[in-house]
Amino acid sequence: MKFEDLKVGQSYEMNRVFTQEEVLRFAELSFDTNPIHTDEEFAKSTPFGGVIVPGFLTGSMFSAIIGTKFPGFGSIYLSQNMCFRKPVFPECEVTAVVSVKELFPEKHRVLLETLCLDKDKQVLIEGTALVKLP
């Protein structure tokens, strides 16, 4: 997508279910072996009552959207912030939504709102990303 094609309010959504196997693979790749993600017995003793998906694994949905779908190929991440509002549990559907919040034509930059929602549309992660387009 070209910068000129973007309009404030445009958005793109992606749905995903993270499996416990994917969580374990992410833990291995990222070295984030926190037992809240990898050990069901330990995780049962936490306020979450079970294992949770790492926030950065869930947040990787934003990167997938921005880099391949919206705005798409050629997009360069300049920054991303994320506030983790609710836990994401394995096998639960997550919807990532990336929306155009503000355009900066002089530098071909776009400020994107980034949200992850559960099936009831409750916010799991909220934040913004600043992206440069070709």
C-alpha atoms as a PDB file:
ATOM      1  CA  MET A   1       0.000   0.000   0.000  1.00  0.00           C
ATOM      2  CA  LYS A   2       1.266   3.474  -0.821  1.00  0.00           C
ATOM      3  CA  PHE A   3       1.339   6.271   1.723  1.00  0.00           C
ATOM      4  CA  GLU A   4      -1.035   8.275  -0.477  1.00  0.00           C
ATOM      5  CA  ASP A   5      -3.640   5.492  -0.182  1.00  0.00           C
ATOM      6  CA  LEU A   6      -3.848   5.732   3.609  1.00  0.00           C
ATOM      7  CA  LYS A   7      -6.637   7.601   5.373  1.00  0.00           C
ATOM      8  CA  VAL A   8      -7.190   8.276   9.072  1.00  0.00           C
ATOM      9  CA  GLY A   9      -9.567   5.632  10.406  1.00  0.00           C
ATOM     10  CA  GLN A  10      -8.604   2.867   7.959  1.00  0.00           C
ATOM     11  CA  SER A  11      -7.930  -0.418   9.698  1.00  0.00           C
ATOM     12  CA  TYR A  12      -6.995  -4.035   9.228  1.00  0.00           C
ATOM     13  CA  GLU A  13      -7.855  -7.018  11.461  1.00  0.00           C
ATOM     14  CA  MET A  14      -6.282 -10.429  11.917  1.00  0.00           C
ATOM     15  CA  ASN A  15      -7.539 -13.304  14.076  1.00  0.00           C
ATOM     16  CA  ARG A  16      -5.279 -15.854  15.717  1.00  0.00           C
ATOM     17  CA  VAL A  17      -5.328 -18.630  18.299  1.00  0.00           C
ATOM     18  CA  PHE A  18      -2.026 -19.347  20.048  1.00  0.00           C
ATOM     19  CA  THR A  19      -1.467 -22.947  21.096  1.00  0.00           C
ATOM     20  CA  GLN A  20       0.546 -24.041  24.130  1.00  0.00           C
ATOM     21  CA  GLU A  21       2.976 -25.687  21.714  1.00  0.00           C
ATOM     22  CA  GLU A  22       3.567 -22.300  20.044  1.00  0.00           C
ATOM     23  CA  VAL A  23       4.060 -20.701  23.467  1.00  0.00           C
ATOM     24  CA  LEU A  24       6.733 -23.305  24.284  1.00  0.00           C
ATOM     25  CA  ARG A  25       8.453 -22.761  20.919  1.00  0.00           C
ATOM     26  CA  PHE A  26       8.428 -18.996  21.495  1.00  0.00           C
ATOM     27  CA  ALA A  27       9.900 -19.512  24.972  1.00  0.00           C
ATOM     28  CA  GLU A  28      12.695 -21.563  23.448  1.00  0.00           C
ATOM     29  CA  LEU A  29      13.409 -19.050  20.663  1.00  0.00           C
ATOM     30  CA  SER A  30      13.193 -15.942  22.856  1.00  0.00           C
ATOM     31  CA  PHE A  31      14.771 -17.428  26.007  1.00  0.00           C
ATOM     32  CA  ASP A  32      11.679 -16.206  27.895  1.00  0.00           C
ATOM     33  CA  THR A  33      11.226 -19.352  29.966  1.00  0.00           C
ATOM     34  CA  ASN A  34       9.210 -17.648  32.680  1.00  0.00           C
ATOM     35  CA  PRO A  35       7.153 -20.462  34.241  1.00  0.00           C
ATOM     36  CA  ILE A  36       4.006 -18.334  33.931  1.00  0.00           C
ATOM     37  CA  HIS A  37       4.211 -19.300  30.231  1.00  0.00           C
ATOM     38  CA  THR A  38       5.705 -22.783  30.408  1.00  0.00           C
ATOM     39  CA  ASP A  39       4.733 -24.557  33.647  1.00  0.00           C
ATOM     40  CA  GLU A  40       1.051 -25.311  34.167  1.00  0.00           C
ATOM     41  CA  GLU A  41       1.494 -26.321  37.830  1.00  0.00           C
ATOM     42  CA  PHE A  42       3.365 -23.119  38.675  1.00  0.00           C
ATOM     43  CA  ALA A  43       0.951 -20.985  36.645  1.00  0.00           C
ATOM     44  CA  LYS A  44      -2.046 -22.419  38.539  1.00  0.00           C
ATOM     45  CA  SER A  45      -0.662 -20.783  41.701  1.00  0.00           C
ATOM     46  CA  THR A  46      -0.623 -17.303  40.119  1.00  0.00           C
ATOM     47  CA  PRO A  47      -3.476 -14.790  39.922  1.00  0.00           C
ATOM     48  CA  PHE A  48      -4.025 -15.932  36.304  1.00  0.00           C
ATOM     49  CA  GLY A  49      -4.834 -19.509  37.341  1.00  0.00           C
ATOM     50  CA  GLY A  50      -2.967 -21.018  34.397  1.00  0.00           C
ATOM     51  CA  VAL A  51      -0.343 -20.396  31.766  1.00  0.00           C
ATOM     52  CA  ILE A  52      -0.581 -17.250  29.696  1.00  0.00           C
ATOM     53  CA  VAL A  53       0.720 -16.395  26.252  1.00  0.00           C
ATOM     54  CA  PRO A  54       3.776 -14.095  26.372  1.00  0.00           C
ATOM     55  CA  GLY A  55       2.793 -10.509  25.652  1.00  0.00           C
ATOM     56  CA  PHE A  56       5.405 -10.137  22.947  1.00  0.00           C
ATOM     57  CA  LEU A  57       4.150 -13.250  21.169  1.00  0.00           C
ATOM     58  CA  THR A  58       0.654 -11.789  21.124  1.00  0.00           C
ATOM     59  CA  GLY A  59       2.065  -8.393  20.118  1.00  0.00           C
ATOM     60  CA  SER A  60       3.883 -10.008  17.206  1.00  0.00           C
ATOM     61  CA  MET A  61       0.529  -9.951  15.438  1.00  0.00           C
ATOM     62  CA  PHE A  62       1.057  -6.202  14.986  1.00  0.00           C
ATOM     63  CA  SER A  63       4.365  -6.815  13.231  1.00  0.00           C
ATOM     64  CA  ALA A  64       2.761  -9.416  10.977  1.00  0.00           C
ATOM     65  CA  ILE A  65       0.020  -6.993   9.951  1.00  0.00           C
ATOM     66  CA  ILE A  66       2.253  -3.934   9.546  1.00  0.00           C
ATOM     67  CA  GLY A  67       4.996  -5.703   7.627  1.00  0.00           C
ATOM     68  CA  THR A  68       2.879  -7.829   5.301  1.00  0.00           C
ATOM     69  CA  LYS A  69      -0.717  -6.559   5.094  1.00  0.00           C
ATOM     70  CA  PHE A  70      -1.358  -3.024   6.324  1.00  0.00           C
ATOM     71  CA  PRO A  71       0.364  -0.827   5.337  1.00  0.00           C
ATOM     72  CA  GLY A  72       2.386  -3.818   4.089  1.00  0.00           C
ATOM     73  CA  PHE A  73       5.660  -4.580   2.363  1.00  0.00           C
ATOM     74  CA  GLY A  74       8.288  -1.897   2.693  1.00  0.00           C
ATOM     75  CA  SER A  75       6.917  -0.585   5.986  1.00  0.00           C
ATOM     76  CA  ILE A  76       9.660   0.137   8.498  1.00  0.00           C
ATOM     77  CA  TYR A  77       8.904   0.046  12.207  1.00  0.00           C
ATOM     78  CA  LEU A  78      10.223   3.112  14.039  1.00  0.00           C
ATOM     79  CA  SER A  79       8.575   2.437  17.399  1.00  0.00           C
ATOM     80  CA  GLN A  80       5.917   0.364  19.137  1.00  0.00           C
ATOM     81  CA  ASN A  81       4.439   0.728  22.589  1.00  0.00           C
ATOM     82  CA  MET A  82       2.142  -1.784  24.207  1.00  0.00           C
ATOM     83  CA  CYS A  83       0.138  -1.745  27.419  1.00  0.00           C
ATOM     84  CA  PHE A  84      -0.884  -5.227  28.534  1.00  0.00           C
ATOM     85  CA  ARG A  85      -4.414  -4.910  29.934  1.00  0.00           C
ATOM     86  CA  LYS A  86      -5.584  -8.531  30.275  1.00  0.00           C
ATOM     87  CA  PRO A  87      -3.893 -11.912  29.970  1.00  0.00           C
ATOM     88  CA  VAL A  88      -4.077 -13.988  26.814  1.00  0.00           C
ATOM     89  CA  PHE A  89      -4.600 -17.709  27.410  1.00  0.00           C
ATOM     90  CA  PRO A  90      -3.583 -20.469  25.013  1.00  0.00           C
ATOM     91  CA  GLU A  91      -6.375 -21.679  22.719  1.00  0.00           C
ATOM     92  CA  CYS A  92      -8.318 -18.396  23.005  1.00  0.00           C
ATOM     93  CA  GLU A  93      -8.996 -16.366  19.881  1.00  0.00           C
ATOM     94  CA  VAL A  94      -7.311 -12.969  19.679  1.00  0.00           C
ATOM     95  CA  THR A  95      -8.130 -10.256  17.155  1.00  0.00           C
ATOM     96  CA  ALA A  96      -5.383  -7.752  16.363  1.00  0.00           C
ATOM     97  CA  VAL A  97      -6.557  -4.437  14.932  1.00  0.00           C
ATOM     98  CA  VAL A  98      -4.219  -1.882  13.371  1.00  0.00           C
ATOM     99  CA  SER A  99      -5.786   1.504  12.535  1.00  0.00           C
ATOM    100  CA  VAL A 100      -4.445   4.713  11.048  1.00  0.00           C
ATOM    101  CA  LYS A 101      -4.446   7.334  13.782  1.00  0.00           C
ATOM    102  CA  GLU A 102      -2.372  10.129  12.230  1.00  0.00           C
ATOM    103  CA  LEU A 103      -0.492  10.791   8.980  1.00  0.00           C
ATOM    104  CA  PHE A 104       2.768  12.702   8.604  1.00  0.00           C
ATOM    105  CA  PRO A 105       3.086  13.318   4.837  1.00  0.00           C
ATOM    106  CA  GLU A 106       6.378  15.225   4.962  1.00  0.00           C
ATOM    107  CA  LYS A 107       8.258  12.110   6.113  1.00  0.00           C
ATOM    108  CA  HIS A 108       5.886   9.377   4.851  1.00  0.00           C
ATOM    109  CA  ARG A 109       5.211   8.296   8.427  1.00  0.00           C
ATOM    110  CA  VAL A 110       2.027   6.990   9.931  1.00  0.00           C
ATOM    111  CA  LEU A 111       0.980   6.651  13.556  1.00  0.00           C
ATOM    112  CA  LEU A 112      -1.036   3.477  13.993  1.00  0.00           C
ATOM    113  CA  GLU A 113      -3.280   2.474  16.867  1.00  0.00           C
ATOM    114  CA  THR A 114      -2.614  -1.161  17.762  1.00  0.00           C
ATOM    115  CA  LEU A 115      -5.135  -3.255  19.709  1.00  0.00           C
ATOM    116  CA  CYS A 116      -5.587  -6.896  20.582  1.00  0.00           C
ATOM    117  CA  LEU A 117      -9.116  -7.882  21.584  1.00  0.00           C
ATOM    118  CA  ASP A 118     -10.678 -11.050  22.945  1.00  0.00           C
ATOM    119  CA  LYS A 119     -13.840 -12.639  21.537  1.00  0.00           C
ATOM    120  CA  ASP A 120     -15.943 -10.285  23.685  1.00  0.00           C
ATOM    121  CA  LYS A 121     -14.074  -7.249  22.278  1.00  0.00           C
ATOM    122  CA  GLN A 122     -12.333  -6.592  25.600  1.00  0.00           C
ATOM    123  CA  VAL A 123      -8.920  -4.946  25.212  1.00  0.00           C
ATOM    124  CA  LEU A 124      -6.008  -7.291  25.866  1.00  0.00           C
ATOM    125  CA  ILE A 125      -3.213  -5.062  24.519  1.00  0.00           C
ATOM    126  CA  GLU A 126      -3.369  -1.442  23.449  1.00  0.00           C
ATOM    127  CA  GLY A 127      -0.714   0.801  22.035  1.00  0.00           C
ATOM    128  CA  THR A 128       0.632   2.665  19.059  1.00  0.00           C
ATOM    129  CA  ALA A 129       3.220   2.099  16.370  1.00  0.00           C
ATOM    130  CA  LEU A 130       5.104   4.652  14.321  1.00  0.00           C
ATOM    131  CA  VAL A 131       5.902   3.381  10.836  1.00  0.00           C
ATOM    132  CA  LYS A 132       7.736   4.816   7.827  1.00  0.00           C
ATOM    133  CA  LEU A 133       6.514   3.925   4.367  1.00  0.00           C
ATOM    134  CA  PRO A 134       8.593   3.966   1.177  1.00  0.00           C
END
